[in-house]
Amino acid sequence: MAKAARSLFVCQNCGAVAPRWTGKCATCGEWNSIVEEAQTAPVPGTGLAKASRGRAVELRLLADTEGDRLDRMPTGLAELDRVTGGGIVPGSALLIGGEPGIGKSTLLLQVAAAFAAAGRRAVYFTGEEAAAQVRLRAERLGLAQAPLALASETSLSNVLATLAEGKPADLVVVDSIQTLWADGLEAAPGTVSQVRAATQALVRFAKAEGSALLLVGHVTKDGQIAGPKVIEHMVDTVLYFEGDRGHPFRILRATKNRFGATDEIGVFEMAAEGLREVANPSELFLGDRLTSTPGSAVFAGVEGTRPLLVEMQALVVASGLGTPRRAVVGWDTNRLSMLLAVIDARCGISFAQHDVYLNVAGGLKITEPAADLAAAAALLSSISNVALGPHNVYFGEISLSGAIRPAGHMSSRLKEARKLGFKHAILPAAGDLDGTATRLDLLRIAHVKGLADALGL
């Protein structure tokens, strides 16, 4: 008598398994995310089909593996090489996520075409488009003649069988992982079980054959990659493609990287011929800045090892509401609230009767604490209606006591500012600088009250 299939109730948001259906997931708290899935076969690669005795594997000393060093493969895009740490490592798995239409497929098509043009074998599997549609995009990007192997396929077994034939591929692109389905699972494509099984099988193939694997992942409404979190643990690198639809700029950011730093960014510009690399993003984010308008301050930041100058804009107006409005784009709302409280308590300047709007120009998202001083300068400039100096840059972290704490990479920030024509820098009093930084006129302040005094408030 055949054994009845076992039903699993799996949350499509976090991957948690429940014994029965419930309206709300007990693990992540998401409503209406529990879906029944019939598991008639074990997940591929788990080894649960039958019990078997393991075999002893060969153990090697760490020092003896020096000869197994893997050389990175350049992608043909310097910005992507910067984010990945110098190129893609053979046998590694990369997961890239981003909002629909942000340019993920365009980026991967350009990377795959660059691999193929360099004499490497690149294979592109698309599950969301027909091969003819990919061909149209390639013609628009000027890549129609690239020797790139292309197929439109959603069956995991067919994908693996195709990769097993012929010469091993140097690069495998799957767009997207949510469209693949495994034969042994009675679940719809995109569900937790299917995504987990497909990712595990592809990663195992990449490790065994030495092929670099690039996976595209859909994102949820919160901007996180859809599917179980275990997917991000299985891959070696997780990249997020960020950008604002109103701006042509795109930011490629690494949140996990086993072979490099996780705080590097790559900057691209979406053009008619595809994604164009931006060699000097500081000039791009500063743009046509109006230096005579109050509420504008230039922040000298650092993303990874790259100094980056960006304009922070503030608008403070009298509020007619009982609760003044606080609106932030590109910065943390909670950090703005903390900064307003510090200025009120330590400088005696209140924003309680004012609406506050803060914006980071260019669509960039800033998470660095050193942006506090630039944001404070923009806020004080707007509320006093006094424009800041057009050649000033600001950076420094403001503590709850009002003290200005030093920031890292101070010399590289000042060198970038000097290269772009800035002459004055307002920075923390603490922190060491090298000799080249003294070419700027430095104003070192130890407390936020010193910033207000410098502005005449």
Protein backbone atom coordinates (compact mmCIF):
# COMPACT_ATOMS: atom_id res chain seq x y z
CA MET A 1 0.00 0.00 0.00
CA ALA A 2 1.43 3.37 -1.00
CA LYS A 3 2.32 5.68 1.81
CA ALA A 4 0.17 8.78 1.99
CA ALA A 5 1.84 12.05 1.22
CA ARG A 6 2.69 14.15 4.21
CA SER A 7 1.25 17.65 4.32
CA LEU A 8 3.32 20.52 5.62
CA PHE A 9 2.03 23.95 6.51
CA VAL A 10 4.82 26.36 5.58
CA CYS A 11 4.98 30.13 6.06
CA GLN A 12 5.77 31.79 2.73
CA ASN A 13 7.36 34.75 4.49
CA CYS A 14 9.89 33.15 6.86
CA GLY A 15 9.82 29.44 6.00
CA ALA A 16 8.61 28.24 9.40
CA VAL A 17 6.72 24.91 9.48
CA ALA A 18 3.48 24.65 11.49
CA PRO A 19 1.62 21.44 12.47
CA ARG A 20 -1.68 22.85 11.20
CA TRP A 21 -3.03 25.82 9.33
CA THR A 22 -3.26 29.09 11.24
CA GLY A 23 -4.19 32.57 10.13
CA LYS A 24 -1.04 34.10 11.60
CA CYS A 25 2.51 32.74 11.57
CA ALA A 26 3.74 32.25 15.12
CA THR A 27 7.35 32.87 14.10
CA CYS A 28 7.29 36.09 12.06
CA GLY A 29 3.76 37.35 12.79
CA GLU A 30 2.71 37.58 9.14
CA TRP A 31 -1.01 37.10 8.42
CA ASN A 32 -2.36 34.69 5.77
CA SER A 33 1.10 33.41 4.86
CA ILE A 34 0.62 29.74 5.85
CA VAL A 35 0.24 27.48 2.79
CA GLU A 36 -0.26 23.72 2.76
CA GLU A 37 2.37 21.84 0.80
CA ALA A 38 2.33 18.11 0.07
CA GLN A 39 5.78 16.60 0.33
CA THR A 40 5.87 13.33 -1.62
CA ALA A 41 9.63 13.17 -1.97
CA PRO A 42 12.54 14.46 0.06
CA VAL A 43 14.07 17.78 -0.84
CA PRO A 44 16.83 17.17 -3.41
CA GLY A 45 20.25 17.04 -1.83
CA THR A 46 19.13 16.30 1.72
CA GLY A 47 20.09 12.62 1.54
CA LEU A 48 16.86 11.52 3.23
CA ALA A 49 15.69 9.15 0.49
CA LYS A 50 17.17 6.15 2.30
CA ALA A 51 19.31 5.53 5.29
CA SER A 52 22.97 4.98 4.48
CA ARG A 53 26.25 4.77 6.29
CA GLY A 54 28.56 7.67 5.73
CA ARG A 55 32.10 7.38 4.47
CA ALA A 56 35.15 8.95 5.97
CA VAL A 57 36.45 11.93 4.04
CA GLU A 58 40.07 12.94 3.66
CA LEU A 59 41.24 15.54 6.16
CA ARG A 60 43.91 18.04 5.16
CA LEU A 61 45.88 20.58 7.11
CA LEU A 62 44.97 24.19 6.46
CA ALA A 63 48.56 24.96 5.48
CA ASP A 64 48.45 22.25 2.79
CA THR A 65 45.59 23.96 0.93
CA GLU A 66 47.72 26.91 -0.17
CA GLY A 67 48.06 25.45 -3.65
CA ASP A 68 44.25 25.42 -4.03
CA ARG A 69 44.09 29.22 -4.30
CA LEU A 70 41.40 30.38 -6.71
CA ASP A 71 41.96 33.37 -8.97
CA ARG A 72 39.10 35.81 -9.23
CA MET A 73 37.42 36.32 -12.58
CA PRO A 74 36.96 40.00 -13.62
CA THR A 75 33.36 40.76 -14.53
CA GLY A 76 34.12 43.47 -17.09
CA LEU A 77 32.42 46.05 -14.83
CA ALA A 78 34.83 47.80 -12.47
CA GLU A 79 32.03 48.84 -10.10
CA LEU A 80 30.84 45.25 -9.71
CA ASP A 81 34.42 44.10 -9.17
CA ARG A 82 34.75 46.69 -6.40
CA VAL A 83 31.65 45.39 -4.61
CA THR A 84 32.59 41.71 -4.90
CA GLY A 85 36.14 42.33 -3.70
CA GLY A 86 38.04 42.25 -6.99
CA GLY A 87 36.01 39.89 -9.15
CA ILE A 88 33.90 36.75 -8.88
CA VAL A 89 35.46 33.69 -7.25
CA PRO A 90 35.02 30.46 -9.27
CA GLY A 91 32.53 28.13 -7.61
CA SER A 92 30.88 30.92 -5.63
CA ALA A 93 27.16 31.68 -5.52
CA LEU A 94 25.87 35.26 -5.63
CA LEU A 95 22.29 36.36 -4.95
CA ILE A 96 21.16 39.75 -6.22
CA GLY A 97 17.87 41.35 -5.20
CA GLY A 98 16.09 44.56 -6.03
CA GLU A 99 12.75 46.12 -6.84
CA PRO A 100 11.05 45.30 -10.16
CA GLY A 101 12.43 47.38 -13.02
CA ILE A 102 15.49 48.56 -11.11
CA GLY A 103 17.86 46.98 -13.67
CA LYS A 104 18.80 43.53 -12.29
CA SER A 105 18.33 41.70 -15.59
CA THR A 106 20.14 44.45 -17.48
CA LEU A 107 23.12 44.26 -15.13
CA LEU A 108 23.37 40.47 -15.34
CA LEU A 109 23.01 40.46 -19.12
CA GLN A 110 25.90 42.92 -19.38
CA VAL A 111 28.01 40.81 -17.01
CA ALA A 112 27.25 37.57 -18.87
CA ALA A 113 28.03 39.19 -22.22
CA ALA A 114 31.34 40.53 -20.86
CA PHE A 115 32.26 37.02 -19.66
CA ALA A 116 31.43 35.56 -23.07
CA ALA A 117 33.35 38.27 -24.91
CA ALA A 118 36.41 37.51 -22.75
CA GLY A 119 36.46 33.91 -24.00
CA ARG A 120 34.74 32.32 -21.03
CA ARG A 121 31.61 30.18 -21.27
CA ALA A 122 28.56 31.97 -19.89
CA VAL A 123 25.08 30.43 -19.72
CA TYR A 124 21.96 32.54 -19.11
CA PHE A 125 18.71 30.86 -18.00
CA THR A 126 15.61 33.03 -17.95
CA GLY A 127 12.35 31.91 -16.42
CA GLU A 128 10.46 35.19 -16.66
CA GLU A 129 11.02 36.03 -20.33
CA ALA A 130 11.21 34.27 -23.65
CA ALA A 131 14.55 34.02 -25.40
CA ALA A 132 13.32 36.49 -28.03
CA GLN A 133 12.60 39.08 -25.33
CA VAL A 134 16.12 38.76 -23.96
CA ARG A 135 17.38 39.15 -27.52
CA LEU A 136 15.50 42.45 -27.81
CA ARG A 137 17.16 43.75 -24.64
CA ALA A 138 20.55 42.61 -25.92
CA GLU A 139 20.00 44.54 -29.17
CA ARG A 140 19.11 47.67 -27.21
CA LEU A 141 22.29 47.28 -25.16
CA GLY A 142 24.44 46.56 -28.21
CA LEU A 143 25.19 43.01 -27.03
CA ALA A 144 23.31 40.99 -29.65
CA GLN A 145 26.51 39.55 -31.12
CA ALA A 146 27.95 38.35 -27.81
CA PRO A 147 28.68 34.56 -27.79
CA LEU A 148 26.32 34.02 -24.85
CA ALA A 149 24.42 30.74 -24.43
CA LEU A 150 20.76 31.48 -23.70
CA ALA A 151 17.74 29.36 -22.76
CA SER A 152 14.25 29.97 -21.42
CA GLU A 153 13.65 27.24 -18.85
CA THR A 154 11.95 26.83 -15.46
CA SER A 155 12.51 23.12 -14.76
CA LEU A 156 15.33 22.57 -12.27
CA SER A 157 16.12 19.10 -13.62
CA ASN A 158 16.37 20.44 -17.19
CA VAL A 159 18.66 23.26 -16.07
CA LEU A 160 21.00 20.85 -14.26
CA ALA A 161 20.99 18.41 -17.20
CA THR A 162 21.88 21.23 -19.61
CA LEU A 163 24.75 22.41 -17.42
CA ALA A 164 26.11 18.86 -17.14
CA GLU A 165 26.60 18.63 -20.91
CA GLY A 166 29.65 19.92 -22.71
CA LYS A 167 32.33 22.18 -21.30
CA PRO A 168 31.70 23.37 -17.71
CA ALA A 169 30.35 26.89 -17.66
CA ASP A 170 32.43 29.66 -16.06
CA LEU A 171 29.30 31.68 -15.25
CA VAL A 172 25.69 30.56 -14.81
CA VAL A 173 22.93 33.18 -14.53
CA VAL A 174 19.43 32.21 -13.34
CA ASP A 175 16.75 34.89 -13.65
CA SER A 176 15.04 34.30 -11.32
CA ILE A 177 15.27 31.64 -8.62
CA GLN A 178 11.55 32.06 -7.80
CA THR A 179 10.56 30.72 -11.23
CA LEU A 180 12.32 27.35 -10.93
CA TRP A 181 10.47 24.22 -9.82
CA ALA A 182 11.73 20.82 -8.71
CA ASP A 183 9.97 17.64 -9.86
CA GLY A 184 9.93 15.99 -6.45
CA LEU A 185 7.92 18.70 -4.70
CA GLU A 186 4.19 19.20 -5.09
CA ALA A 187 4.31 22.91 -4.52
CA ALA A 188 3.94 25.91 -6.77
CA PRO A 189 7.06 27.69 -8.06
CA GLY A 190 8.11 30.48 -5.75
CA THR A 191 7.03 28.75 -2.54
CA VAL A 192 9.49 28.24 0.28
CA SER A 193 10.06 24.55 -0.47
CA GLN A 194 10.67 25.10 -4.18
CA VAL A 195 13.00 28.06 -3.71
CA ARG A 196 15.00 26.27 -1.03
CA ALA A 197 15.32 23.08 -3.11
CA ALA A 198 16.32 24.92 -6.30
CA THR A 199 18.90 27.07 -4.53
CA GLN A 200 20.43 24.11 -2.74
CA ALA A 201 20.74 22.05 -5.95
CA LEU A 202 22.27 24.92 -7.95
CA VAL A 203 24.73 25.89 -5.21
CA ARG A 204 25.82 22.26 -4.85
CA PHE A 205 26.38 22.06 -8.62
CA ALA A 206 28.40 25.31 -8.61
CA LYS A 207 30.67 24.09 -5.81
CA ALA A 208 31.26 20.75 -7.51
CA GLU A 209 31.93 22.09 -11.01
CA GLY A 210 33.67 25.36 -10.14
CA SER A 211 31.11 27.48 -11.97
CA ALA A 212 30.23 30.93 -10.66
CA LEU A 213 26.49 31.18 -10.01
CA LEU A 214 24.45 34.39 -10.23
CA LEU A 215 20.88 34.16 -8.93
CA VAL A 216 18.20 36.83 -9.15
CA GLY A 217 15.83 37.01 -6.18
CA HIS A 218 12.52 38.82 -5.94
CA VAL A 219 11.99 41.18 -3.03
CA THR A 220 9.03 41.70 -0.71
CA LYS A 221 7.26 44.99 -0.08
CA ASP A 222 9.74 45.62 2.74
CA GLY A 223 12.67 45.36 0.34
CA GLN A 224 13.92 41.99 1.64
CA ILE A 225 14.63 39.05 -0.65
CA ALA A 226 11.53 36.86 -0.81
CA GLY A 227 11.63 33.27 0.42
CA PRO A 228 13.23 31.65 3.44
CA LYS A 229 16.16 33.39 5.08
CA VAL A 230 18.18 30.21 4.69
CA ILE A 231 18.74 31.14 1.03
CA GLU A 232 20.97 34.02 2.06
CA HIS A 233 22.92 31.63 4.29
CA MET A 234 23.48 29.15 1.46
CA VAL A 235 25.00 31.63 -0.99
CA ASP A 236 28.40 33.29 -0.64
CA THR A 237 27.43 36.84 -1.53
CA VAL A 238 24.18 38.80 -1.22
CA LEU A 239 23.87 41.98 -3.30
CA TYR A 240 21.07 44.54 -3.27
CA PHE A 241 20.41 46.79 -6.25
CA GLU A 242 18.99 50.06 -4.94
CA GLY A 243 17.74 53.19 -6.62
CA ASP A 244 14.97 55.71 -6.96
CA ARG A 245 12.69 55.62 -9.99
CA GLY A 246 12.94 59.41 -10.17
CA HIS A 247 16.74 59.31 -10.53
CA PRO A 248 18.90 57.48 -13.06
CA PHE A 249 21.42 56.44 -10.40
CA ARG A 250 21.64 52.86 -9.15
CA ILE A 251 23.56 51.66 -6.10
CA LEU A 252 24.86 48.09 -5.86
CA ARG A 253 25.47 47.23 -2.21
CA ALA A 254 26.83 44.02 -0.65
CA THR A 255 25.18 42.90 2.61
CA LYS A 256 27.07 39.60 2.75
CA ASN A 257 30.37 38.69 1.12
CA ARG A 258 32.52 35.72 2.12
CA PHE A 259 35.31 36.88 -0.18
CA GLY A 260 35.43 40.61 0.48
CA ALA A 261 34.11 43.57 2.43
CA THR A 262 30.40 44.05 3.05
CA ASP A 263 30.34 47.85 3.07
CA GLU A 264 31.47 48.58 -0.49
CA ILE A 265 29.10 50.10 -3.04
CA GLY A 266 29.08 50.33 -6.80
CA VAL A 267 27.45 53.27 -8.56
CA PHE A 268 25.76 53.00 -11.97
CA GLU A 269 23.69 55.31 -14.12
CA MET A 270 20.78 53.95 -16.12
CA ALA A 271 21.10 55.17 -19.70
CA ALA A 272 19.53 54.25 -23.02
CA GLU A 273 22.37 51.85 -23.79
CA GLY A 274 22.12 50.15 -20.38
CA LEU A 275 23.90 50.61 -17.08
CA ARG A 276 26.87 52.95 -17.26
CA GLU A 277 29.56 52.90 -14.59
CA VAL A 278 30.11 56.08 -12.61
CA ALA A 279 33.81 56.52 -11.85
CA ASN A 280 33.38 59.64 -9.69
CA PRO A 281 30.04 59.42 -7.87
CA SER A 282 30.75 62.51 -5.73
CA GLU A 283 30.31 64.82 -8.72
CA LEU A 284 27.16 62.92 -9.64
CA PHE A 285 25.47 63.26 -6.25
CA LEU A 286 26.44 66.89 -5.81
CA GLY A 287 25.08 67.76 -9.25
CA ASP A 288 23.89 71.32 -9.90
CA ARG A 289 23.83 72.35 -6.26
CA LEU A 290 22.35 75.74 -5.33
CA THR A 291 24.95 77.13 -2.94
CA SER A 292 22.99 80.26 -2.04
CA THR A 293 19.95 78.41 -0.66
CA PRO A 294 19.72 77.88 3.14
CA GLY A 295 19.41 74.31 4.36
CA SER A 296 22.03 72.70 2.11
CA ALA A 297 25.17 71.04 3.53
CA VAL A 298 27.72 68.74 1.89
CA PHE A 299 28.53 65.58 3.80
CA ALA A 300 31.94 63.97 3.30
CA GLY A 301 31.09 60.31 3.77
CA VAL A 302 32.77 56.97 3.18
CA GLU A 303 31.15 53.88 1.67
CA GLY A 304 33.53 50.99 2.25
CA THR A 305 36.90 52.34 1.13
CA ARG A 306 35.43 54.92 -1.24
CA PRO A 307 35.03 58.56 -0.07
CA LEU A 308 31.75 59.98 -1.27
CA LEU A 309 30.48 63.56 -1.09
CA VAL A 310 26.72 63.99 -1.06
CA GLU A 311 24.39 66.92 -0.46
CA MET A 312 22.01 66.86 2.51
CA GLN A 313 19.01 69.16 2.19
CA ALA A 314 16.82 70.38 5.06
CA LEU A 315 13.63 72.44 5.07
CA VAL A 316 12.26 73.78 8.35
CA VAL A 317 8.94 75.66 8.21
CA ALA A 318 6.41 76.79 10.79
CA SER A 319 3.81 74.09 11.42
CA GLY A 320 0.09 74.58 11.59
CA LEU A 321 -0.47 71.10 12.99
CA GLY A 322 -0.75 70.01 16.58
CA THR A 323 1.99 67.46 15.97
CA PRO A 324 4.69 68.82 13.63
CA ARG A 325 5.61 66.62 10.72
CA ARG A 326 8.95 64.86 10.31
CA ALA A 327 9.68 63.54 6.79
CA VAL A 328 12.99 61.93 5.83
CA VAL A 329 14.26 60.53 2.52
CA GLY A 330 17.55 58.66 2.46
CA TRP A 331 18.26 58.83 6.21
CA ASP A 332 17.02 57.23 9.42
CA THR A 333 13.88 58.88 10.83
CA ASN A 334 14.76 57.87 14.38
CA ARG A 335 18.20 59.44 14.06
CA LEU A 336 16.61 62.72 12.92
CA SER A 337 14.36 62.73 15.99
CA MET A 338 17.38 62.14 18.23
CA LEU A 339 19.34 64.91 16.50
CA LEU A 340 16.49 67.42 16.93
CA ALA A 341 16.29 66.56 20.64
CA VAL A 342 20.05 67.05 21.09
CA ILE A 343 19.98 70.44 19.35
CA ASP A 344 17.03 71.51 21.52
CA ALA A 345 18.64 70.34 24.78
CA ARG A 346 22.26 71.42 24.14
CA CYS A 347 21.85 74.52 21.96
CA GLY A 348 18.48 75.84 23.10
CA ILE A 349 17.10 75.87 19.54
CA SER A 350 13.67 74.25 19.42
CA PHE A 351 11.99 72.63 16.42
CA ALA A 352 8.80 71.82 18.37
CA GLN A 353 6.64 74.25 16.35
CA HIS A 354 8.18 73.48 12.98
CA ASP A 355 7.75 70.86 10.28
CA VAL A 356 11.09 69.30 9.37
CA TYR A 357 11.91 67.77 5.97
CA LEU A 358 15.30 66.15 5.35
CA ASN A 359 16.47 64.74 2.03
CA VAL A 360 19.66 63.11 0.75
CA ALA A 361 20.14 64.31 -2.81
CA GLY A 362 20.50 61.81 -5.64
CA GLY A 363 18.48 58.98 -4.11
CA LEU A 364 21.37 57.69 -1.98
CA LYS A 365 20.65 56.07 1.38
CA ILE A 366 23.03 57.03 4.17
CA THR A 367 23.51 54.86 7.24
CA GLU A 368 26.82 56.28 8.49
CA PRO A 369 26.63 58.03 11.91
CA ALA A 370 29.17 60.60 10.74
CA ALA A 371 26.37 62.29 8.76
CA ASP A 372 25.03 63.79 12.00
CA LEU A 373 27.10 66.97 11.75
CA ALA A 374 26.10 67.66 8.14
CA ALA A 375 22.43 67.07 8.95
CA ALA A 376 22.67 69.37 11.98
CA ALA A 377 24.31 72.09 9.87
CA ALA A 378 21.55 71.83 7.25
CA LEU A 379 18.83 72.00 9.93
CA LEU A 380 20.37 75.01 11.69
CA SER A 381 20.89 76.75 8.34
CA SER A 382 17.26 76.25 7.35
CA ILE A 383 15.70 77.36 10.64
CA SER A 384 17.90 80.49 10.72
CA ASN A 385 17.51 81.14 6.96
CA VAL A 386 21.28 81.58 6.65
CA ALA A 387 23.05 79.86 3.76
CA LEU A 388 26.18 77.87 4.54
CA GLY A 389 29.48 78.46 2.82
CA PRO A 390 29.53 77.02 -0.72
CA HIS A 391 32.97 75.45 -0.18
CA ASN A 392 32.27 73.78 3.20
CA VAL A 393 32.07 70.07 3.96
CA TYR A 394 30.89 68.50 7.22
CA PHE A 395 31.26 65.16 8.96
CA GLY A 396 31.16 63.92 12.54
CA GLU A 397 28.94 61.89 14.85
CA ILE A 398 26.89 63.75 17.47
CA SER A 399 26.36 62.00 20.80
CA LEU A 400 23.43 62.54 23.15
CA SER A 401 25.61 64.84 25.27
CA GLY A 402 26.18 67.04 22.23
CA ALA A 403 29.84 66.05 21.88
CA ILE A 404 31.22 65.58 18.37
CA ARG A 405 32.83 62.17 18.08
CA PRO A 406 35.56 61.43 15.51
CA ALA A 407 34.86 59.47 12.34
CA GLY A 408 36.97 56.93 10.50
CA HIS A 409 38.95 57.65 7.33
CA MET A 410 39.12 61.37 8.10
CA SER A 411 42.08 61.99 5.81
CA SER A 412 40.49 60.27 2.80
CA ARG A 413 37.31 62.33 3.28
CA LEU A 414 39.32 65.56 3.24
CA LYS A 415 41.36 64.50 0.20
CA GLU A 416 38.17 63.84 -1.75
CA ALA A 417 36.76 67.23 -0.72
CA ARG A 418 39.93 69.01 -1.79
CA LYS A 419 39.93 67.20 -5.14
CA LEU A 420 36.41 68.49 -5.85
CA GLY A 421 37.32 72.10 -5.04
CA PHE A 422 36.13 72.46 -1.45
CA LYS A 423 38.24 74.72 0.75
CA HIS A 424 36.81 74.47 4.28
CA ALA A 425 35.99 71.46 6.45
CA ILE A 426 34.06 71.38 9.73
CA LEU A 427 35.03 68.20 11.55
CA PRO A 428 35.44 66.75 15.07
CA ALA A 429 38.14 68.13 17.33
CA ALA A 430 39.40 64.62 18.12
CA GLY A 431 41.06 62.32 15.60
CA ASP A 432 44.41 62.21 13.84
CA LEU A 433 45.07 63.62 10.39
CA ASP A 434 48.01 63.29 8.03
CA GLY A 435 49.89 66.18 6.48
CA THR A 436 47.92 66.32 3.24
CA ALA A 437 44.70 67.21 5.10
CA THR A 438 46.16 70.52 6.30
CA ARG A 439 45.81 71.91 2.78
CA LEU A 440 42.18 72.62 3.69
CA ASP A 441 41.01 75.27 6.12
CA LEU A 442 39.90 73.14 9.09
CA LEU A 443 37.44 74.12 11.79
CA ARG A 444 37.55 71.46 14.51
CA ILE A 445 34.70 71.57 17.01
CA ALA A 446 34.15 69.45 20.09
CA HIS A 447 30.47 70.19 20.80
CA VAL A 448 27.37 70.84 18.73
CA LYS A 449 27.12 74.24 20.43
CA GLY A 450 30.29 75.16 18.56
CA LEU A 451 28.48 74.50 15.28
CA ALA A 452 25.66 76.82 16.29
CA ASP A 453 28.16 79.49 17.34
CA ALA A 454 29.98 79.18 14.00
CA LEU A 455 26.66 79.89 12.24
CA GLY A 456 25.97 82.86 14.51
CA LEU A 457 22.99 81.27 16.30
